Amino acid sequence: MSEDYRVKGMVTYMNTNSGYLLLVEDEPAVQLNNKKILQRRGYNVKQAFTLAEARALIEDEHPKCIILDLQLPDGHGLQFLEELRSTTNIPVLILTALGTTNDIIRGFETGGDDYLTKPYDLSVFLLRVETLLRSAAFIPETLEYEKIKLYPTAGRVVVDGVDVVLSQKEYSILQLFVQRPDKIMTAEYVYEKVWGQQMLENDNSLKVAMSKLRTKLADVGYAVTASRGEGYYLERLK
């Protein structure tokens, strides 16, 4: 299902020529080869050999793309990816020796944007990274509607100066509302956009997410309203 929509308020797009790429990898040879090919293309590259190092770098400044190994000395990369997706939508390329179908499915389901298995050709690696960066160039830096301000890259929500902490699914739903402020969205449409698949008849995931989002937004003056037989829409509480 595809529909046109108009974003109200100010939209600022990311400058993808700034920032850095983060390599999270514990194999020195892999780190060196990946760093060299990226630097030859003019990218600023920072390295982390552990998840602890990666967390410290991200806390200081968010990268514009992360190349993430899964088997690291201080934890599994998918656990780190889950943490990441609770706060940000930074593009992530999973780069790992784990290449079974189940591994790849888990990588994408956890929030990976692309998946490349070792060994790999460096030219293919570079192509995958640059494809992610091109996609990120079309991600708006901010989306605004009335007193609601979204930061898509960081996954942050601010309403009238107050930070609202949302899960990834709650954030994605709110982003749809902000992008379509004057329209009612059917449950099926929201589910397809946020979960990436058709909604099953006995699936209550959307209702649960909507209920939690409704509670959090009520504290900052907004409501997710259900219109019987039609769908959901966003409105300001009086």
C-alpha atoms as a PDB file:
ATOM      1  CA  MET A   1       0.000   0.000   0.000  1.00  0.00           C
ATOM      2  CA  SER A   2       1.419   3.392  -0.887  1.00  0.00           C
ATOM      3  CA  GLU A   3      -0.048   6.837  -0.285  1.00  0.00           C
ATOM      4  CA  ASP A   4       1.305  10.349  -0.735  1.00  0.00           C
ATOM      5  CA  TYR A   5       1.685  12.534   2.319  1.00  0.00           C
ATOM      6  CA  ARG A   6       2.836  16.050   3.073  1.00  0.00           C
ATOM      7  CA  VAL A   7       5.090  16.900   6.012  1.00  0.00           C
ATOM      8  CA  LYS A   8       3.880  19.974   7.858  1.00  0.00           C
ATOM      9  CA  GLY A   9       6.340  22.315   9.553  1.00  0.00           C
ATOM     10  CA  MET A  10      10.090  22.416   9.148  1.00  0.00           C
ATOM     11  CA  VAL A  11      12.047  19.505   7.666  1.00  0.00           C
ATOM     12  CA  THR A  12      15.842  19.606   7.785  1.00  0.00           C
ATOM     13  CA  TYR A  13      17.785  16.964   5.856  1.00  0.00           C
ATOM     14  CA  MET A  14      21.023  15.360   6.980  1.00  0.00           C
ATOM     15  CA  ASN A  15      24.383  16.455   5.613  1.00  0.00           C
ATOM     16  CA  THR A  16      25.925  13.065   4.896  1.00  0.00           C
ATOM     17  CA  ASN A  17      29.281  14.586   3.940  1.00  0.00           C
ATOM     18  CA  SER A  18      30.042  15.233   7.605  1.00  0.00           C
ATOM     19  CA  GLY A  19      30.505  12.814  10.489  1.00  0.00           C
ATOM     20  CA  TYR A  20      32.403   9.543  10.668  1.00  0.00           C
ATOM     21  CA  LEU A  21      32.032   5.837   9.974  1.00  0.00           C
ATOM     22  CA  LEU A  22      32.481   3.463  12.913  1.00  0.00           C
ATOM     23  CA  LEU A  23      34.159   0.063  12.451  1.00  0.00           C
ATOM     24  CA  VAL A  24      33.316  -2.327  15.299  1.00  0.00           C
ATOM     25  CA  GLU A  25      35.616  -5.315  14.713  1.00  0.00           C
ATOM     26  CA  ASP A  26      38.104  -7.274  16.855  1.00  0.00           C
ATOM     27  CA  GLU A  27      40.233  -8.703  14.038  1.00  0.00           C
ATOM     28  CA  PRO A  28      43.130  -6.252  13.389  1.00  0.00           C
ATOM     29  CA  ALA A  29      43.641  -7.353   9.771  1.00  0.00           C
ATOM     30  CA  VAL A  30      39.956  -6.879   8.931  1.00  0.00           C
ATOM     31  CA  GLN A  31      39.953  -3.504  10.690  1.00  0.00           C
ATOM     32  CA  LEU A  32      43.016  -2.369   8.752  1.00  0.00           C
ATOM     33  CA  ASN A  33      41.727  -3.423   5.320  1.00  0.00           C
ATOM     34  CA  ASN A  34      38.293  -1.902   5.858  1.00  0.00           C
ATOM     35  CA  LYS A  35      39.735   1.319   7.240  1.00  0.00           C
ATOM     36  CA  LYS A  36      42.123   1.726   4.311  1.00  0.00           C
ATOM     37  CA  ILE A  37      39.525   1.284   1.576  1.00  0.00           C
ATOM     38  CA  LEU A  38      37.112   3.687   3.286  1.00  0.00           C
ATOM     39  CA  GLN A  39      39.783   6.319   3.898  1.00  0.00           C
ATOM     40  CA  ARG A  40      40.854   6.117   0.245  1.00  0.00           C
ATOM     41  CA  ARG A  41      37.314   7.256  -0.624  1.00  0.00           C
ATOM     42  CA  GLY A  42      37.690  10.212   1.723  1.00  0.00           C
ATOM     43  CA  TYR A  43      35.682   8.954   4.699  1.00  0.00           C
ATOM     44  CA  ASN A  44      36.545   9.791   8.298  1.00  0.00           C
ATOM     45  CA  VAL A  45      36.858   6.415  10.075  1.00  0.00           C
ATOM     46  CA  LYS A  46      36.924   5.586  13.785  1.00  0.00           C
ATOM     47  CA  GLN A  47      37.687   2.126  15.155  1.00  0.00           C
ATOM     48  CA  ALA A  48      36.355   0.088  18.077  1.00  0.00           C
ATOM     49  CA  PHE A  49      37.738  -3.356  18.885  1.00  0.00           C
ATOM     50  CA  THR A  50      35.159  -4.004  21.632  1.00  0.00           C
ATOM     51  CA  LEU A  51      31.548  -3.096  22.324  1.00  0.00           C
ATOM     52  CA  ALA A  52      32.689  -0.974  25.275  1.00  0.00           C
ATOM     53  CA  GLU A  53      34.842   1.129  22.937  1.00  0.00           C
ATOM     54  CA  ALA A  54      31.949   1.445  20.485  1.00  0.00           C
ATOM     55  CA  ARG A  55      29.550   2.618  23.222  1.00  0.00           C
ATOM     56  CA  ALA A  56      32.044   5.246  24.401  1.00  0.00           C
ATOM     57  CA  LEU A  57      32.498   6.629  20.880  1.00  0.00           C
ATOM     58  CA  ILE A  58      28.751   6.735  20.178  1.00  0.00           C
ATOM     59  CA  GLU A  59      28.037   8.430  23.500  1.00  0.00           C
ATOM     60  CA  ASP A  60      30.476  11.184  22.550  1.00  0.00           C
ATOM     61  CA  GLU A  61      29.257  11.609  18.944  1.00  0.00           C
ATOM     62  CA  HIS A  62      26.919   9.530  16.787  1.00  0.00           C
ATOM     63  CA  PRO A  63      28.464   8.132  13.576  1.00  0.00           C
ATOM     64  CA  LYS A  64      26.663   8.318  10.243  1.00  0.00           C
ATOM     65  CA  CYS A  65      27.109   4.553   9.670  1.00  0.00           C
ATOM     66  CA  ILE A  66      28.257   1.557  11.729  1.00  0.00           C
ATOM     67  CA  ILE A  67      29.965  -1.560  10.349  1.00  0.00           C
ATOM     68  CA  LEU A  68      29.313  -4.151  13.042  1.00  0.00           C
ATOM     69  CA  ASP A  69      30.905  -7.545  13.692  1.00  0.00           C
ATOM     70  CA  LEU A  70      28.783  -9.919  15.778  1.00  0.00           C
ATOM     71  CA  GLN A  71      31.354 -12.016  17.638  1.00  0.00           C
ATOM     72  CA  LEU A  72      33.206  -9.579  19.874  1.00  0.00           C
ATOM     73  CA  PRO A  73      35.330 -10.095  23.016  1.00  0.00           C
ATOM     74  CA  ASP A  74      32.879  -8.443  25.420  1.00  0.00           C
ATOM     75  CA  GLY A  75      29.529  -9.502  23.988  1.00  0.00           C
ATOM     76  CA  HIS A  76      27.388 -10.332  20.985  1.00  0.00           C
ATOM     77  CA  GLY A  77      26.848  -7.684  18.342  1.00  0.00           C
ATOM     78  CA  LEU A  78      23.090  -8.316  18.185  1.00  0.00           C
ATOM     79  CA  GLN A  79      22.707  -7.342  21.846  1.00  0.00           C
ATOM     80  CA  PHE A  80      24.528  -4.118  21.057  1.00  0.00           C
ATOM     81  CA  LEU A  81      22.290  -3.608  18.019  1.00  0.00           C
ATOM     82  CA  GLU A  82      19.167  -4.003  20.185  1.00  0.00           C
ATOM     83  CA  GLU A  83      20.503  -1.300  22.516  1.00  0.00           C
ATOM     84  CA  LEU A  84      21.248   0.907  19.541  1.00  0.00           C
ATOM     85  CA  ARG A  85      17.806   0.525  18.004  1.00  0.00           C
ATOM     86  CA  SER A  86      16.120   1.623  21.239  1.00  0.00           C
ATOM     87  CA  THR A  87      17.629   5.096  20.777  1.00  0.00           C
ATOM     88  CA  THR A  88      18.756   5.621  17.171  1.00  0.00           C
ATOM     89  CA  ASN A  89      18.223   4.727  13.516  1.00  0.00           C
ATOM     90  CA  ILE A  90      21.904   4.960  12.502  1.00  0.00           C
ATOM     91  CA  PRO A  91      22.454   2.745   9.407  1.00  0.00           C
ATOM     92  CA  VAL A  92      24.160  -0.536  10.397  1.00  0.00           C
ATOM     93  CA  LEU A  93      25.962  -2.984   8.121  1.00  0.00           C
ATOM     94  CA  ILE A  94      26.444  -6.324   9.874  1.00  0.00           C
ATOM     95  CA  LEU A  95      29.800  -7.839   8.877  1.00  0.00           C
ATOM     96  CA  THR A  96      30.316 -11.331  10.267  1.00  0.00           C
ATOM     97  CA  ALA A  97      31.397 -14.918   9.705  1.00  0.00           C
ATOM     98  CA  LEU A  98      27.946 -16.077  10.859  1.00  0.00           C
ATOM     99  CA  GLY A  99      26.221 -16.810   7.579  1.00  0.00           C
ATOM    100  CA  THR A 100      23.381 -19.280   8.076  1.00  0.00           C
ATOM    101  CA  THR A 101      19.881 -18.323   6.994  1.00  0.00           C
ATOM    102  CA  ASN A 102      18.811 -18.034  10.643  1.00  0.00           C
ATOM    103  CA  ASP A 103      21.788 -15.766  11.420  1.00  0.00           C
ATOM    104  CA  ILE A 104      20.900 -13.447   8.550  1.00  0.00           C
ATOM    105  CA  ILE A 105      17.195 -13.343   9.475  1.00  0.00           C
ATOM    106  CA  ARG A 106      18.065 -12.543  13.109  1.00  0.00           C
ATOM    107  CA  GLY A 107      20.388  -9.787  11.956  1.00  0.00           C
ATOM    108  CA  PHE A 108      17.705  -8.057   9.930  1.00  0.00           C
ATOM    109  CA  GLU A 109      14.964  -8.634  12.522  1.00  0.00           C
ATOM    110  CA  THR A 110      17.141  -7.098  15.250  1.00  0.00           C
ATOM    111  CA  GLY A 111      17.553  -3.935  13.193  1.00  0.00           C
ATOM    112  CA  GLY A 112      20.430  -4.420  10.762  1.00  0.00           C
ATOM    113  CA  ASP A 113      20.109  -2.502   7.496  1.00  0.00           C
ATOM    114  CA  ASP A 114      22.390  -4.823   5.506  1.00  0.00           C
ATOM    115  CA  TYR A 115      24.269  -8.089   6.095  1.00  0.00           C
ATOM    116  CA  LEU A 116      27.596  -9.188   4.597  1.00  0.00           C
ATOM    117  CA  THR A 117      29.338 -12.459   5.465  1.00  0.00           C
ATOM    118  CA  LYS A 118      33.077 -13.093   5.737  1.00  0.00           C
ATOM    119  CA  PRO A 119      35.098 -13.627   3.622  1.00  0.00           C
ATOM    120  CA  TYR A 120      34.030 -10.864   1.261  1.00  0.00           C
ATOM    121  CA  ASP A 121      35.376  -8.766  -1.579  1.00  0.00           C
ATOM    122  CA  LEU A 122      36.477  -5.285  -0.463  1.00  0.00           C
ATOM    123  CA  SER A 123      34.851  -3.663  -3.489  1.00  0.00           C
ATOM    124  CA  VAL A 124      31.530  -5.266  -2.508  1.00  0.00           C
ATOM    125  CA  PHE A 125      32.041  -4.072   1.069  1.00  0.00           C
ATOM    126  CA  LEU A 126      32.607  -0.508  -0.128  1.00  0.00           C
ATOM    127  CA  LEU A 127      29.541  -0.684  -2.373  1.00  0.00           C
ATOM    128  CA  ARG A 128      27.359  -1.849   0.527  1.00  0.00           C
ATOM    129  CA  VAL A 129      28.578   0.963   2.799  1.00  0.00           C
ATOM    130  CA  GLU A 130      28.047   3.651   0.172  1.00  0.00           C
ATOM    131  CA  THR A 131      24.563   2.317  -0.618  1.00  0.00           C
ATOM    132  CA  LEU A 132      23.632   2.707   3.065  1.00  0.00           C
ATOM    133  CA  LEU A 133      25.030   6.230   3.109  1.00  0.00           C
ATOM    134  CA  ARG A 134      23.043   7.198   0.013  1.00  0.00           C
ATOM    135  CA  SER A 135      19.871   5.899   1.634  1.00  0.00           C
ATOM    136  CA  ALA A 136      20.652   7.856   4.809  1.00  0.00           C
ATOM    137  CA  ALA A 137      20.979  11.041   2.740  1.00  0.00           C
ATOM    138  CA  PHE A 138      17.190  11.025   2.335  1.00  0.00           C
ATOM    139  CA  ILE A 139      16.504  10.672   6.078  1.00  0.00           C
ATOM    140  CA  PRO A 140      15.336  14.037   7.459  1.00  0.00           C
ATOM    141  CA  GLU A 141      17.378  15.341  10.368  1.00  0.00           C
ATOM    142  CA  THR A 142      14.252  16.692  12.031  1.00  0.00           C
ATOM    143  CA  LEU A 143      10.482  16.397  11.579  1.00  0.00           C
ATOM    144  CA  GLU A 144       8.202  18.896  13.285  1.00  0.00           C
ATOM    145  CA  TYR A 145       4.471  19.138  13.833  1.00  0.00           C
ATOM    146  CA  GLU A 146       3.103  21.719  16.240  1.00  0.00           C
ATOM    147  CA  LYS A 147       5.071  21.191  19.474  1.00  0.00           C
ATOM    148  CA  ILE A 148       6.347  17.722  18.499  1.00  0.00           C
ATOM    149  CA  LYS A 149       9.911  17.461  17.196  1.00  0.00           C
ATOM    150  CA  LEU A 150      11.415  14.190  15.961  1.00  0.00           C
ATOM    151  CA  TYR A 151      15.086  13.443  15.316  1.00  0.00           C
ATOM    152  CA  PRO A 152      14.953  10.348  13.023  1.00  0.00           C
ATOM    153  CA  THR A 153      18.688   9.599  13.060  1.00  0.00           C
ATOM    154  CA  ALA A 154      18.851   9.584  16.854  1.00  0.00           C
ATOM    155  CA  GLY A 155      15.337   8.196  17.360  1.00  0.00           C
ATOM    156  CA  ARG A 156      14.664  11.066  19.779  1.00  0.00           C
ATOM    157  CA  VAL A 157      11.318  12.721  20.500  1.00  0.00           C
ATOM    158  CA  VAL A 158      10.907  16.150  22.102  1.00  0.00           C
ATOM    159  CA  VAL A 159       7.470  17.638  22.829  1.00  0.00           C
ATOM    160  CA  ASP A 160       7.405  21.269  23.947  1.00  0.00           C
ATOM    161  CA  GLY A 161      10.982  20.916  25.215  1.00  0.00           C
ATOM    162  CA  VAL A 162      10.344  17.638  27.066  1.00  0.00           C
ATOM    163  CA  ASP A 163      12.090  14.416  25.994  1.00  0.00           C
ATOM    164  CA  VAL A 164       9.693  11.491  25.510  1.00  0.00           C
ATOM    165  CA  VAL A 165      11.290   8.052  25.655  1.00  0.00           C
ATOM    166  CA  LEU A 166       9.705   5.642  23.157  1.00  0.00           C
ATOM    167  CA  SER A 167      10.435   2.116  21.996  1.00  0.00           C
ATOM    168  CA  GLN A 168      11.445   1.635  18.359  1.00  0.00           C
ATOM    169  CA  LYS A 169       7.920   0.590  17.341  1.00  0.00           C
ATOM    170  CA  GLU A 170       6.288   3.449  19.279  1.00  0.00           C
ATOM    171  CA  TYR A 171       8.687   5.915  17.646  1.00  0.00           C
ATOM    172  CA  SER A 172       7.932   4.561  14.162  1.00  0.00           C
ATOM    173  CA  ILE A 173       4.195   4.906  14.757  1.00  0.00           C
ATOM    174  CA  LEU A 174       4.558   8.474  15.998  1.00  0.00           C
ATOM    175  CA  GLN A 175       6.682   9.344  12.973  1.00  0.00           C
ATOM    176  CA  LEU A 176       3.846   8.177  10.706  1.00  0.00           C
ATOM    177  CA  PHE A 177       1.425  10.443  12.580  1.00  0.00           C
ATOM    178  CA  VAL A 178       3.757  13.436  12.331  1.00  0.00           C
ATOM    179  CA  GLN A 179       4.207  12.845   8.609  1.00  0.00           C
ATOM    180  CA  ARG A 180       0.431  12.509   8.124  1.00  0.00           C
ATOM    181  CA  PRO A 181      -1.001  14.888  10.766  1.00  0.00           C
ATOM    182  CA  ASP A 182      -4.405  15.439   9.198  1.00  0.00           C
ATOM    183  CA  LYS A 183      -5.196  11.898   8.102  1.00  0.00           C
ATOM    184  CA  ILE A 184      -6.712   8.846   9.723  1.00  0.00           C
ATOM    185  CA  MET A 185      -4.531   5.759   9.226  1.00  0.00           C
ATOM    186  CA  THR A 186      -6.012   2.293   9.201  1.00  0.00           C
ATOM    187  CA  ALA A 187      -4.586  -0.332  11.554  1.00  0.00           C
ATOM    188  CA  GLU A 188      -3.552  -2.383   8.536  1.00  0.00           C
ATOM    189  CA  TYR A 189      -1.654   0.540   7.014  1.00  0.00           C
ATOM    190  CA  VAL A 190       0.234   1.322  10.250  1.00  0.00           C
ATOM    191  CA  TYR A 191       1.106  -2.332  10.796  1.00  0.00           C
ATOM    192  CA  GLU A 192       2.442  -2.757   7.251  1.00  0.00           C
ATOM    193  CA  LYS A 193       4.589   0.384   7.563  1.00  0.00           C
ATOM    194  CA  VAL A 194       5.972  -0.324  11.053  1.00  0.00           C
ATOM    195  CA  TRP A 195       6.170  -4.127  11.157  1.00  0.00           C
ATOM    196  CA  GLY A 196       6.915  -4.539   7.462  1.00  0.00           C
ATOM    197  CA  GLN A 197       4.286  -7.203   6.826  1.00  0.00           C
ATOM    198  CA  GLN A 198       0.535  -7.740   6.624  1.00  0.00           C
ATOM    199  CA  MET A 199      -1.303  -7.779   9.941  1.00  0.00           C
ATOM    200  CA  LEU A 200      -2.615 -11.142  11.124  1.00  0.00           C
ATOM    201  CA  GLU A 201      -6.119 -11.310  12.533  1.00  0.00           C
ATOM    202  CA  ASN A 202      -5.041 -12.477  16.010  1.00  0.00           C
ATOM    203  CA  ASP A 203      -1.978 -10.201  16.318  1.00  0.00           C
ATOM    204  CA  ASN A 204      -2.377  -7.681  19.168  1.00  0.00           C
ATOM    205  CA  SER A 205       1.084  -6.107  18.758  1.00  0.00           C
ATOM    206  CA  LEU A 206      -0.295  -2.915  17.236  1.00  0.00           C
ATOM    207  CA  LYS A 207      -2.937  -2.454  19.945  1.00  0.00           C
ATOM    208  CA  VAL A 208      -0.311  -2.902  22.661  1.00  0.00           C
ATOM    209  CA  ALA A 209       2.083  -0.423  21.025  1.00  0.00           C
ATOM    210  CA  MET A 210      -0.719   2.106  20.456  1.00  0.00           C
ATOM    211  CA  SER A 211      -1.814   1.835  24.098  1.00  0.00           C
ATOM    212  CA  LYS A 212       1.708   2.497  25.382  1.00  0.00           C
ATOM    213  CA  LEU A 213       2.212   5.381  22.948  1.00  0.00           C
ATOM    214  CA  ARG A 214      -1.144   6.887  23.962  1.00  0.00           C
ATOM    215  CA  THR A 215      -0.134   6.836  27.642  1.00  0.00           C
ATOM    216  CA  LYS A 216       3.229   8.488  26.992  1.00  0.00           C
ATOM    217  CA  LEU A 217       1.824  11.203  24.719  1.00  0.00           C
ATOM    218  CA  ALA A 218      -0.994  12.037  27.140  1.00  0.00           C
ATOM    219  CA  ASP A 219       1.641  13.276  29.600  1.00  0.00           C
ATOM    220  CA  VAL A 220       2.793  15.893  27.050  1.00  0.00           C
ATOM    221  CA  GLY A 221      -0.589  17.025  25.761  1.00  0.00           C
ATOM    222  CA  TYR A 222      -1.292  14.770  22.765  1.00  0.00           C
ATOM    223  CA  ALA A 223      -3.534  11.792  22.128  1.00  0.00           C
ATOM    224  CA  VAL A 224      -3.681   8.847  19.755  1.00  0.00           C
ATOM    225  CA  THR A 225      -7.381   8.544  19.020  1.00  0.00           C
ATOM    226  CA  ALA A 226      -9.112   5.505  17.539  1.00  0.00           C
ATOM    227  CA  SER A 227     -11.960   6.252  15.144  1.00  0.00           C
ATOM    228  CA  ARG A 228     -14.254   3.221  15.134  1.00  0.00           C
ATOM    229  CA  GLY A 229     -14.187   1.417  11.814  1.00  0.00           C
ATOM    230  CA  GLU A 230     -11.688   3.847  10.306  1.00  0.00           C
ATOM    231  CA  GLY A 231      -8.344   3.867  12.134  1.00  0.00           C
ATOM    232  CA  TYR A 232      -6.097   6.063  14.248  1.00  0.00           C
ATOM    233  CA  TYR A 233      -5.158   9.749  14.218  1.00  0.00           C
ATOM    234  CA  LEU A 234      -3.094  12.172  16.291  1.00  0.00           C
ATOM    235  CA  GLU A 235      -4.676  15.143  18.049  1.00  0.00           C
ATOM    236  CA  ARG A 236      -3.815  17.652  20.733  1.00  0.00           C
ATOM    237  CA  LEU A 237      -5.548  17.291  24.084  1.00  0.00           C
ATOM    238  CA  LYS A 238      -7.621  20.276  25.141  1.00  0.00           C
END
